[in-house]
Amino acid sequence: DGQYWWKPASLVGVGWQGMTELIAPGDFDSDGHDDV
């Protein structure tokens, strides 16, 4: 929320238990949006 706390959480995906690594590269494909 920009004040050292949180807005309400939301579910953004399921089935991610099969991933052995999750990486935050930023905008990996240069479309202006951050990716995973």
PDB file of all heavy atoms in Angstrom:
ATOM      1  N   ASP A   1       0.814  -1.219   0.000  1.00  0.00           N
ATOM      2  CA  ASP A   1       0.000   0.000   0.000  1.00  0.00           C
ATOM      3  C   ASP A   1       0.847   1.268   0.000  1.00  0.00           C
ATOM      4  O   ASP A   1       0.305   2.376   0.044  1.00  0.00           O
ATOM      5  CB  ASP A   1      -0.956   0.012   1.192  1.00  0.00           C
ATOM      6  CG  ASP A   1      -0.247   0.111   2.543  1.00  0.00           C
ATOM      7  OD1 ASP A   1       1.005   0.102   2.561  1.00  0.00           O
ATOM      8  OD2 ASP A   1      -0.942   0.196   3.573  1.00  0.00           O
ATOM      9  N   GLY A   2       2.177   1.132  -0.048  1.00  0.00           N
ATOM     10  CA  GLY A   2       3.044   2.298  -0.036  1.00  0.00           C
ATOM     11  C   GLY A   2       3.259   2.886   1.335  1.00  0.00           C
ATOM     12  O   GLY A   2       3.975   3.872   1.476  1.00  0.00           O
ATOM     13  N   GLN A   3       2.667   2.276   2.370  1.00  0.00           N
ATOM     14  CA  GLN A   3       2.805   2.757   3.751  1.00  0.00           C
ATOM     15  C   GLN A   3       3.314   1.642   4.660  1.00  0.00           C
ATOM     16  O   GLN A   3       2.929   1.545   5.818  1.00  0.00           O
ATOM     17  CB  GLN A   3       1.452   3.281   4.259  1.00  0.00           C
ATOM     18  CG  GLN A   3       0.882   4.421   3.443  1.00  0.00           C
ATOM     19  CD  GLN A   3       1.729   5.670   3.511  1.00  0.00           C
ATOM     20  OE1 GLN A   3       2.273   5.996   4.565  1.00  0.00           O
ATOM     21  NE2 GLN A   3       1.842   6.376   2.395  1.00  0.00           N
ATOM     22  N   TYR A   4       4.137   0.766   4.110  1.00  0.00           N
ATOM     23  CA  TYR A   4       4.727  -0.345   4.856  1.00  0.00           C
ATOM     24  C   TYR A   4       3.677  -1.359   5.297  1.00  0.00           C
ATOM     25  O   TYR A   4       3.842  -2.043   6.312  1.00  0.00           O
ATOM     26  CB  TYR A   4       5.515   0.154   6.084  1.00  0.00           C
ATOM     27  CG  TYR A   4       6.603   1.126   5.728  1.00  0.00           C
ATOM     28  CD1 TYR A   4       6.441   2.484   5.956  1.00  0.00           C
ATOM     29  CD2 TYR A   4       7.789   0.689   5.143  1.00  0.00           C
ATOM     30  CE1 TYR A   4       7.437   3.382   5.615  1.00  0.00           C
ATOM     31  CE2 TYR A   4       8.786   1.584   4.807  1.00  0.00           C
ATOM     32  CZ  TYR A   4       8.609   2.925   5.041  1.00  0.00           C
ATOM     33  OH  TYR A   4       9.599   3.819   4.695  1.00  0.00           O
ATOM     34  N   TRP A   5       2.593  -1.476   4.529  1.00  0.00           N
ATOM     35  CA  TRP A   5       1.615  -2.519   4.831  1.00  0.00           C
ATOM     36  C   TRP A   5       0.985  -2.991   3.532  1.00  0.00           C
ATOM     37  O   TRP A   5       1.501  -2.710   2.462  1.00  0.00           O
ATOM     38  CB  TRP A   5       0.573  -2.022   5.846  1.00  0.00           C
ATOM     39  CG  TRP A   5      -0.014  -3.167   6.633  1.00  0.00           C
ATOM     40  CD1 TRP A   5      -1.293  -3.631   6.560  1.00  0.00           C
ATOM     41  CD2 TRP A   5       0.663  -4.011   7.562  1.00  0.00           C
ATOM     42  NE1 TRP A   5      -1.459  -4.708   7.401  1.00  0.00           N
ATOM     43  CE2 TRP A   5      -0.266  -4.959   8.037  1.00  0.00           C
ATOM     44  CE3 TRP A   5       1.976  -4.066   8.053  1.00  0.00           C
ATOM     45  CZ2 TRP A   5       0.045  -5.944   8.965  1.00  0.00           C
ATOM     46  CZ3 TRP A   5       2.297  -5.032   8.979  1.00  0.00           C
ATOM     47  CH2 TRP A   5       1.345  -5.951   9.436  1.00  0.00           C
ATOM     48  N   TRP A   6      -0.120  -3.705   3.612  1.00  0.00           N
ATOM     49  CA  TRP A   6      -0.633  -4.434   2.473  1.00  0.00           C
ATOM     50  C   TRP A   6      -2.072  -4.060   2.140  1.00  0.00           C
ATOM     51  O   TRP A   6      -2.863  -3.774   3.026  1.00  0.00           O
ATOM     52  CB  TRP A   6      -0.582  -5.949   2.731  1.00  0.00           C
ATOM     53  CG  TRP A   6       0.739  -6.415   3.233  1.00  0.00           C
ATOM     54  CD1 TRP A   6       1.089  -6.670   4.519  1.00  0.00           C
ATOM     55  CD2 TRP A   6       1.904  -6.661   2.445  1.00  0.00           C
ATOM     56  NE1 TRP A   6       2.398  -7.068   4.594  1.00  0.00           N
ATOM     57  CE2 TRP A   6       2.934  -7.074   3.333  1.00  0.00           C
ATOM     58  CE3 TRP A   6       2.190  -6.579   1.085  1.00  0.00           C
ATOM     59  CZ2 TRP A   6       4.208  -7.394   2.902  1.00  0.00           C
ATOM     60  CZ3 TRP A   6       3.465  -6.889   0.659  1.00  0.00           C
ATOM     61  CH2 TRP A   6       4.461  -7.298   1.552  1.00  0.00           C
ATOM     62  N   LYS A   7      -2.371  -4.107   0.867  1.00  0.00           N
ATOM     63  CA  LYS A   7      -3.750  -4.124   0.410  1.00  0.00           C
ATOM     64  C   LYS A   7      -4.247  -5.569   0.453  1.00  0.00           C
ATOM     65  O   LYS A   7      -3.460  -6.488   0.661  1.00  0.00           O
ATOM     66  CB  LYS A   7      -3.829  -3.579  -1.019  1.00  0.00           C
ATOM     67  CG  LYS A   7      -3.399  -2.121  -1.155  1.00  0.00           C
ATOM     68  CD  LYS A   7      -3.443  -1.681  -2.613  1.00  0.00           C
ATOM     69  CE  LYS A   7      -2.972  -0.248  -2.769  1.00  0.00           C
ATOM     70  NZ  LYS A   7      -2.980   0.189  -4.199  1.00  0.00           N
ATOM     71  N   PRO A   8      -5.552  -5.815   0.259  1.00  0.00           N
ATOM     72  CA  PRO A   8      -6.051  -7.193   0.307  1.00  0.00           C
ATOM     73  C   PRO A   8      -5.348  -8.114  -0.692  1.00  0.00           C
ATOM     74  O   PRO A   8      -5.101  -7.738  -1.846  1.00  0.00           O
ATOM     75  CB  PRO A   8      -7.536  -7.033  -0.034  1.00  0.00           C
ATOM     76  CG  PRO A   8      -7.867  -5.644   0.395  1.00  0.00           C
ATOM     77  CD  PRO A   8      -6.641  -4.830   0.103  1.00  0.00           C
ATOM     78  N   ALA A   9      -5.002  -9.307  -0.230  1.00  0.00           N
ATOM     79  CA  ALA A   9      -4.337 -10.292  -1.087  1.00  0.00           C
ATOM     80  C   ALA A   9      -5.333 -10.907  -2.061  1.00  0.00           C
ATOM     81  O   ALA A   9      -6.546 -10.921  -1.816  1.00  0.00           O
ATOM     82  CB  ALA A   9      -3.691 -11.375  -0.241  1.00  0.00           C
ATOM     83  N   SER A  10      -4.816 -11.429  -3.159  1.00  0.00           N
ATOM     84  CA  SER A  10      -5.674 -12.089  -4.151  1.00  0.00           C
ATOM     85  C   SER A  10      -4.950 -13.299  -4.727  1.00  0.00           C
ATOM     86  O   SER A  10      -3.719 -13.318  -4.839  1.00  0.00           O
ATOM     87  CB  SER A  10      -6.060 -11.122  -5.270  1.00  0.00           C
ATOM     88  OG  SER A  10      -4.916 -10.646  -5.956  1.00  0.00           O
ATOM     89  N   LEU A  11      -5.719 -14.307  -5.087  1.00  0.00           N
ATOM     90  CA  LEU A  11      -5.175 -15.512  -5.716  1.00  0.00           C
ATOM     91  C   LEU A  11      -4.914 -15.225  -7.189  1.00  0.00           C
ATOM     92  O   LEU A  11      -5.814 -14.806  -7.919  1.00  0.00           O
ATOM     93  CB  LEU A  11      -6.170 -16.661  -5.568  1.00  0.00           C
ATOM     94  CG  LEU A  11      -5.748 -18.021  -6.126  1.00  0.00           C
ATOM     95  CD1 LEU A  11      -4.584 -18.587  -5.337  1.00  0.00           C
ATOM     96  CD2 LEU A  11      -6.927 -18.998  -6.097  1.00  0.00           C
ATOM     97  N   VAL A  12      -3.660 -15.432  -7.634  1.00  0.00           N
ATOM     98  CA  VAL A  12      -3.304 -15.125  -9.021  1.00  0.00           C
ATOM     99  C   VAL A  12      -2.865 -16.363  -9.794  1.00  0.00           C
ATOM    100  O   VAL A  12      -2.431 -16.239 -10.942  1.00  0.00           O
ATOM    101  CB  VAL A  12      -2.187 -14.049  -9.077  1.00  0.00           C
ATOM    102  CG1 VAL A  12      -2.701 -12.732  -8.539  1.00  0.00           C
ATOM    103  CG2 VAL A  12      -0.942 -14.498  -8.333  1.00  0.00           C
ATOM    104  N   GLY A  13      -2.975 -17.550  -9.207  1.00  0.00           N
ATOM    105  CA  GLY A  13      -2.611 -18.752  -9.940  1.00  0.00           C
ATOM    106  C   GLY A  13      -2.714 -20.003  -9.103  1.00  0.00           C
ATOM    107  O   GLY A  13      -2.669 -19.939  -7.866  1.00  0.00           O
ATOM    108  N   VAL A  14      -2.875 -21.143  -9.767  1.00  0.00           N
ATOM    109  CA  VAL A  14      -2.870 -22.452  -9.113  1.00  0.00           C
ATOM    110  C   VAL A  14      -1.971 -23.383  -9.922  1.00  0.00           C
ATOM    111  O   VAL A  14      -1.610 -23.093 -11.066  1.00  0.00           O
ATOM    112  CB  VAL A  14      -4.296 -23.044  -9.017  1.00  0.00           C
ATOM    113  CG1 VAL A  14      -5.177 -22.193  -8.108  1.00  0.00           C
ATOM    114  CG2 VAL A  14      -4.929 -23.172 -10.402  1.00  0.00           C
ATOM    115  N   GLY A  15      -1.563 -24.482  -9.312  1.00  0.00           N
ATOM    116  CA  GLY A  15      -0.735 -25.458 -10.015  1.00  0.00           C
ATOM    117  C   GLY A  15       0.741 -25.129 -10.033  1.00  0.00           C
ATOM    118  O   GLY A  15       1.510 -25.760 -10.774  1.00  0.00           O
ATOM    119  N   TRP A  16       1.169 -24.192  -9.224  1.00  0.00           N
ATOM    120  CA  TRP A  16       2.563 -23.774  -9.221  1.00  0.00           C
ATOM    121  C   TRP A  16       3.452 -24.681  -8.367  1.00  0.00           C
ATOM    122  O   TRP A  16       4.662 -24.452  -8.273  1.00  0.00           O
ATOM    123  CB  TRP A  16       2.676 -22.336  -8.725  1.00  0.00           C
ATOM    124  CG  TRP A  16       2.141 -21.327  -9.700  1.00  0.00           C
ATOM    125  CD1 TRP A  16       0.820 -21.039  -9.930  1.00  0.00           C
ATOM    126  CD2 TRP A  16       2.889 -20.486 -10.577  1.00  0.00           C
ATOM    127  NE1 TRP A  16       0.712 -20.069 -10.900  1.00  0.00           N
ATOM    128  CE2 TRP A  16       1.964 -19.706 -11.306  1.00  0.00           C
ATOM    129  CE3 TRP A  16       4.253 -20.301 -10.805  1.00  0.00           C
ATOM    130  CZ2 TRP A  16       2.361 -18.763 -12.261  1.00  0.00           C
ATOM    131  CZ3 TRP A  16       4.644 -19.361 -11.757  1.00  0.00           C
ATOM    132  CH2 TRP A  16       3.709 -18.608 -12.473  1.00  0.00           C
ATOM    133  N   GLN A  17       2.883 -25.735  -7.764  1.00  0.00           N
ATOM    134  CA  GLN A  17       3.695 -26.618  -6.922  1.00  0.00           C
ATOM    135  C   GLN A  17       4.715 -27.401  -7.741  1.00  0.00           C
ATOM    136  O   GLN A  17       5.693 -27.932  -7.188  1.00  0.00           O
ATOM    137  CB  GLN A  17       2.800 -27.581  -6.131  1.00  0.00           C
ATOM    138  CG  GLN A  17       2.093 -28.633  -6.973  1.00  0.00           C
ATOM    139  CD  GLN A  17       0.760 -28.169  -7.522  1.00  0.00           C
ATOM    140  OE1 GLN A  17       0.512 -26.975  -7.620  1.00  0.00           O
ATOM    141  NE2 GLN A  17      -0.116 -29.117  -7.854  1.00  0.00           N
ATOM    142  N   GLY A  18       4.548 -27.480  -9.045  1.00  0.00           N
ATOM    143  CA  GLY A  18       5.484 -28.202  -9.891  1.00  0.00           C
ATOM    144  C   GLY A  18       6.731 -27.417 -10.240  1.00  0.00           C
ATOM    145  O   GLY A  18       7.627 -27.941 -10.920  1.00  0.00           O
ATOM    146  N   MET A  19       6.832 -26.177  -9.781  1.00  0.00           N
ATOM    147  CA  MET A  19       7.975 -25.331 -10.105  1.00  0.00           C
ATOM    148  C   MET A  19       9.039 -25.418  -9.010  1.00  0.00           C
ATOM    149  O   MET A  19       8.739 -25.239  -7.832  1.00  0.00           O
ATOM    150  CB  MET A  19       7.532 -23.874 -10.287  1.00  0.00           C
ATOM    151  CG  MET A  19       6.452 -23.689 -11.334  1.00  0.00           C
ATOM    152  SD  MET A  19       6.980 -24.309 -12.967  1.00  0.00           S
ATOM    153  CE  MET A  19       5.462 -24.088 -13.915  1.00  0.00           C
ATOM    154  N   THR A  20      10.258 -25.705  -9.418  1.00  0.00           N
ATOM    155  CA  THR A  20      11.354 -25.821  -8.455  1.00  0.00           C
ATOM    156  C   THR A  20      12.081 -24.506  -8.226  1.00  0.00           C
ATOM    157  O   THR A  20      12.914 -24.408  -7.322  1.00  0.00           O
ATOM    158  CB  THR A  20      12.366 -26.873  -8.937  1.00  0.00           C
ATOM    159  OG1 THR A  20      12.893 -26.471 -10.210  1.00  0.00           O
ATOM    160  CG2 THR A  20      11.695 -28.239  -9.076  1.00  0.00           C
ATOM    161  N   GLU A  21      11.790 -23.516  -9.039  1.00  0.00           N
ATOM    162  CA  GLU A  21      12.400 -22.198  -8.861  1.00  0.00           C
ATOM    163  C   GLU A  21      11.451 -21.162  -9.444  1.00  0.00           C
ATOM    164  O   GLU A  21      10.871 -21.358 -10.516  1.00  0.00           O
ATOM    165  CB  GLU A  21      13.744 -22.125  -9.573  1.00  0.00           C
ATOM    166  CG  GLU A  21      14.612 -20.948  -9.177  1.00  0.00           C
ATOM    167  CD  GLU A  21      15.264 -21.125  -7.815  1.00  0.00           C
ATOM    168  OE1 GLU A  21      16.292 -21.822  -7.730  1.00  0.00           O
ATOM    169  OE2 GLU A  21      14.738 -20.542  -6.842  1.00  0.00           O
ATOM    170  N   LEU A  22      11.278 -20.045  -8.726  1.00  0.00           N
ATOM    171  CA  LEU A  22      10.493 -18.913  -9.204  1.00  0.00           C
ATOM    172  C   LEU A  22      11.402 -17.686  -9.172  1.00  0.00           C
ATOM    173  O   LEU A  22      12.002 -17.373  -8.148  1.00  0.00           O
ATOM    174  CB  LEU A  22       9.256 -18.689  -8.328  1.00  0.00           C
ATOM    175  CG  LEU A  22       8.226 -19.823  -8.309  1.00  0.00           C
ATOM    176  CD1 LEU A  22       7.103 -19.516  -7.323  1.00  0.00           C
ATOM    177  CD2 LEU A  22       7.657 -20.053  -9.703  1.00  0.00           C
ATOM    178  N   ILE A  23      11.495 -17.003 -10.305  1.00  0.00           N
ATOM    179  CA  ILE A  23      12.486 -15.946 -10.487  1.00  0.00           C
ATOM    180  C   ILE A  23      11.782 -14.667 -10.902  1.00  0.00           C
ATOM    181  O   ILE A  23      10.852 -14.694 -11.726  1.00  0.00           O
ATOM    182  CB  ILE A  23      13.522 -16.350 -11.552  1.00  0.00           C
ATOM    183  CG1 ILE A  23      14.150 -17.710 -11.205  1.00  0.00           C
ATOM    184  CG2 ILE A  23      14.599 -15.294 -11.723  1.00  0.00           C
ATOM    185  CD1 ILE A  23      14.092 -18.705 -12.320  1.00  0.00           C
ATOM    186  N   ALA A  24      12.216 -13.552 -10.355  1.00  0.00           N
ATOM    187  CA  ALA A  24      11.649 -12.240 -10.677  1.00  0.00           C
ATOM    188  C   ALA A  24      12.662 -11.431 -11.488  1.00  0.00           C
ATOM    189  O   ALA A  24      13.504 -10.741 -10.921  1.00  0.00           O
ATOM    190  CB  ALA A  24      11.282 -11.495  -9.395  1.00  0.00           C
ATOM    191  N   PRO A  25      12.614 -11.504 -12.829  1.00  0.00           N
ATOM    192  CA  PRO A  25      13.600 -10.788 -13.647  1.00  0.00           C
ATOM    193  C   PRO A  25      13.232  -9.338 -13.925  1.00  0.00           C
ATOM    194  O   PRO A  25      14.039  -8.587 -14.458  1.00  0.00           O
ATOM    195  CB  PRO A  25      13.593 -11.584 -14.946  1.00  0.00           C
ATOM    196  CG  PRO A  25      12.172 -12.038 -15.073  1.00  0.00           C
ATOM    197  CD  PRO A  25      11.691 -12.300 -13.659  1.00  0.00           C
ATOM    198  N   GLY A  26      11.996  -8.923 -13.589  1.00  0.00           N
ATOM    199  CA  GLY A  26      11.519  -7.627 -14.035  1.00  0.00           C
ATOM    200  C   GLY A  26      10.829  -7.793 -15.377  1.00  0.00           C
ATOM    201  O   GLY A  26      10.168  -8.801 -15.635  1.00  0.00           O
ATOM    202  N   ASP A  27      10.992  -6.825 -16.256  1.00  0.00           N
ATOM    203  CA  ASP A  27      10.344  -6.867 -17.568  1.00  0.00           C
ATOM    204  C   ASP A  27      11.227  -7.651 -18.530  1.00  0.00           C
ATOM    205  O   ASP A  27      12.052  -7.079 -19.248  1.00  0.00           O
ATOM    206  CB  ASP A  27      10.111  -5.436 -18.064  1.00  0.00           C
ATOM    207  CG  ASP A  27       9.357  -5.400 -19.383  1.00  0.00           C
ATOM    208  OD1 ASP A  27       8.866  -6.458 -19.817  1.00  0.00           O
ATOM    209  OD2 ASP A  27       9.273  -4.310 -19.971  1.00  0.00           O
ATOM    210  N   PHE A  28      11.043  -8.959 -18.581  1.00  0.00           N
ATOM    211  CA  PHE A  28      11.938  -9.835 -19.336  1.00  0.00           C
ATOM    212  C   PHE A  28      11.722  -9.744 -20.838  1.00  0.00           C
ATOM    213  O   PHE A  28      12.658  -9.945 -21.613  1.00  0.00           O
ATOM    214  CB  PHE A  28      11.754 -11.282 -18.869  1.00  0.00           C
ATOM    215  CG  PHE A  28      12.807 -12.224 -19.370  1.00  0.00           C
ATOM    216  CD1 PHE A  28      14.107 -12.150 -18.913  1.00  0.00           C
ATOM    217  CD2 PHE A  28      12.497 -13.197 -20.307  1.00  0.00           C
ATOM    218  CE1 PHE A  28      15.087 -13.014 -19.378  1.00  0.00           C
ATOM    219  CE2 PHE A  28      13.462 -14.084 -20.776  1.00  0.00           C
ATOM    220  CZ  PHE A  28      14.763 -13.978 -20.309  1.00  0.00           C
ATOM    221  N   ASP A  29      10.496  -9.449 -21.255  1.00  0.00           N
ATOM    222  CA  ASP A  29      10.214  -9.405 -22.692  1.00  0.00           C
ATOM    223  C   ASP A  29      10.034  -7.989 -23.214  1.00  0.00           C
ATOM    224  O   ASP A  29       9.633  -7.789 -24.357  1.00  0.00           O
ATOM    225  CB  ASP A  29       8.974 -10.247 -23.031  1.00  0.00           C
ATOM    226  CG  ASP A  29       7.761  -9.837 -22.198  1.00  0.00           C
ATOM    227  OD1 ASP A  29       7.854  -8.831 -21.474  1.00  0.00           O
ATOM    228  OD2 ASP A  29       6.729 -10.524 -22.279  1.00  0.00           O
ATOM    229  N   SER A  30      10.310  -6.991 -22.386  1.00  0.00           N
ATOM    230  CA  SER A  30      10.305  -5.581 -22.788  1.00  0.00           C
ATOM    231  C   SER A  30       8.955  -5.114 -23.328  1.00  0.00           C
ATOM    232  O   SER A  30       8.891  -4.314 -24.264  1.00  0.00           O
ATOM    233  CB  SER A  30      11.393  -5.317 -23.846  1.00  0.00           C
ATOM    234  OG  SER A  30      12.668  -5.639 -23.360  1.00  0.00           O
ATOM    235  N   ASP A  31       7.880  -5.590 -22.692  1.00  0.00           N
ATOM    236  CA  ASP A  31       6.560  -5.111 -23.080  1.00  0.00           C
ATOM    237  C   ASP A  31       6.008  -4.085 -22.099  1.00  0.00           C
ATOM    238  O   ASP A  31       4.850  -3.671 -22.197  1.00  0.00           O
ATOM    239  CB  ASP A  31       5.575  -6.262 -23.230  1.00  0.00           C
ATOM    240  CG  ASP A  31       5.275  -6.963 -21.906  1.00  0.00           C
ATOM    241  OD1 ASP A  31       5.959  -6.671 -20.897  1.00  0.00           O
ATOM    242  OD2 ASP A  31       4.370  -7.823 -21.888  1.00  0.00           O
ATOM    243  N   GLY A  32       6.841  -3.691 -21.138  1.00  0.00           N
ATOM    244  CA  GLY A  32       6.429  -2.683 -20.174  1.00  0.00           C
ATOM    245  C   GLY A  32       5.834  -3.236 -18.897  1.00  0.00           C
ATOM    246  O   GLY A  32       5.483  -2.468 -18.000  1.00  0.00           O
ATOM    247  N   HIS A  33       5.733  -4.571 -18.763  1.00  0.00           N
ATOM    248  CA  HIS A  33       5.146  -5.188 -17.578  1.00  0.00           C
ATOM    249  C   HIS A  33       6.132  -6.174 -16.963  1.00  0.00           C
ATOM    250  O   HIS A  33       6.862  -6.879 -17.682  1.00  0.00           O
ATOM    251  CB  HIS A  33       3.848  -5.930 -17.933  1.00  0.00           C
ATOM    252  CG  HIS A  33       2.863  -5.093 -18.693  1.00  0.00           C
ATOM    253  ND1 HIS A  33       2.421  -3.870 -18.244  1.00  0.00           N
ATOM    254  CD2 HIS A  33       2.244  -5.313 -19.892  1.00  0.00           C
ATOM    255  CE1 HIS A  33       1.561  -3.366 -19.116  1.00  0.00           C
ATOM    256  NE2 HIS A  33       1.449  -4.220 -20.129  1.00  0.00           N
ATOM    257  N   ASP A  34       6.136  -6.238 -15.637  1.00  0.00           N
ATOM    258  CA  ASP A  34       7.020  -7.168 -14.939  1.00  0.00           C
ATOM    259  C   ASP A  34       6.529  -8.600 -15.100  1.00  0.00           C
ATOM    260  O   ASP A  34       5.320  -8.871 -15.116  1.00  0.00           O
ATOM    261  CB  ASP A  34       7.105  -6.806 -13.460  1.00  0.00           C
ATOM    262  CG  ASP A  34       7.926  -5.550 -13.231  1.00  0.00           C
ATOM    263  OD1 ASP A  34       8.873  -5.337 -13.992  1.00  0.00           O
ATOM    264  OD2 ASP A  34       7.604  -4.797 -12.297  1.00  0.00           O
ATOM    265  N   ASP A  35       7.488  -9.531 -15.202  1.00  0.00           N
ATOM    266  CA  ASP A  35       7.199 -10.925 -15.509  1.00  0.00           C
ATOM    267  C   ASP A  35       7.735 -11.849 -14.425  1.00  0.00           C
ATOM    268  O   ASP A  35       8.416 -11.417 -13.492  1.00  0.00           O
ATOM    269  CB  ASP A  35       7.825 -11.295 -16.863  1.00  0.00           C
ATOM    270  CG  ASP A  35       7.460 -10.308 -17.965  1.00  0.00           C
ATOM    271  OD1 ASP A  35       6.275  -9.982 -18.079  1.00  0.00           O
ATOM    272  OD2 ASP A  35       8.371  -9.864 -18.689  1.00  0.00           O
ATOM    273  N   VAL A  36       7.463 -13.141 -14.585  1.00  0.00           N
ATOM    274  CA  VAL A  36       7.992 -14.180 -13.700  1.00  0.00           C
ATOM    275  C   VAL A  36       8.556 -15.292 -14.568  1.00  0.00           C
ATOM    276  O   VAL A  36       7.954 -15.675 -15.581  1.00  0.00           O
ATOM    277  CB  VAL A  36       6.897 -14.734 -12.770  1.00  0.00           C
ATOM    278  CG1 VAL A  36       7.395 -15.973 -12.014  1.00  0.00           C
ATOM    279  CG2 VAL A  36       6.451 -13.669 -11.770  1.00  0.00           C
TER     280      VAL A  36
END
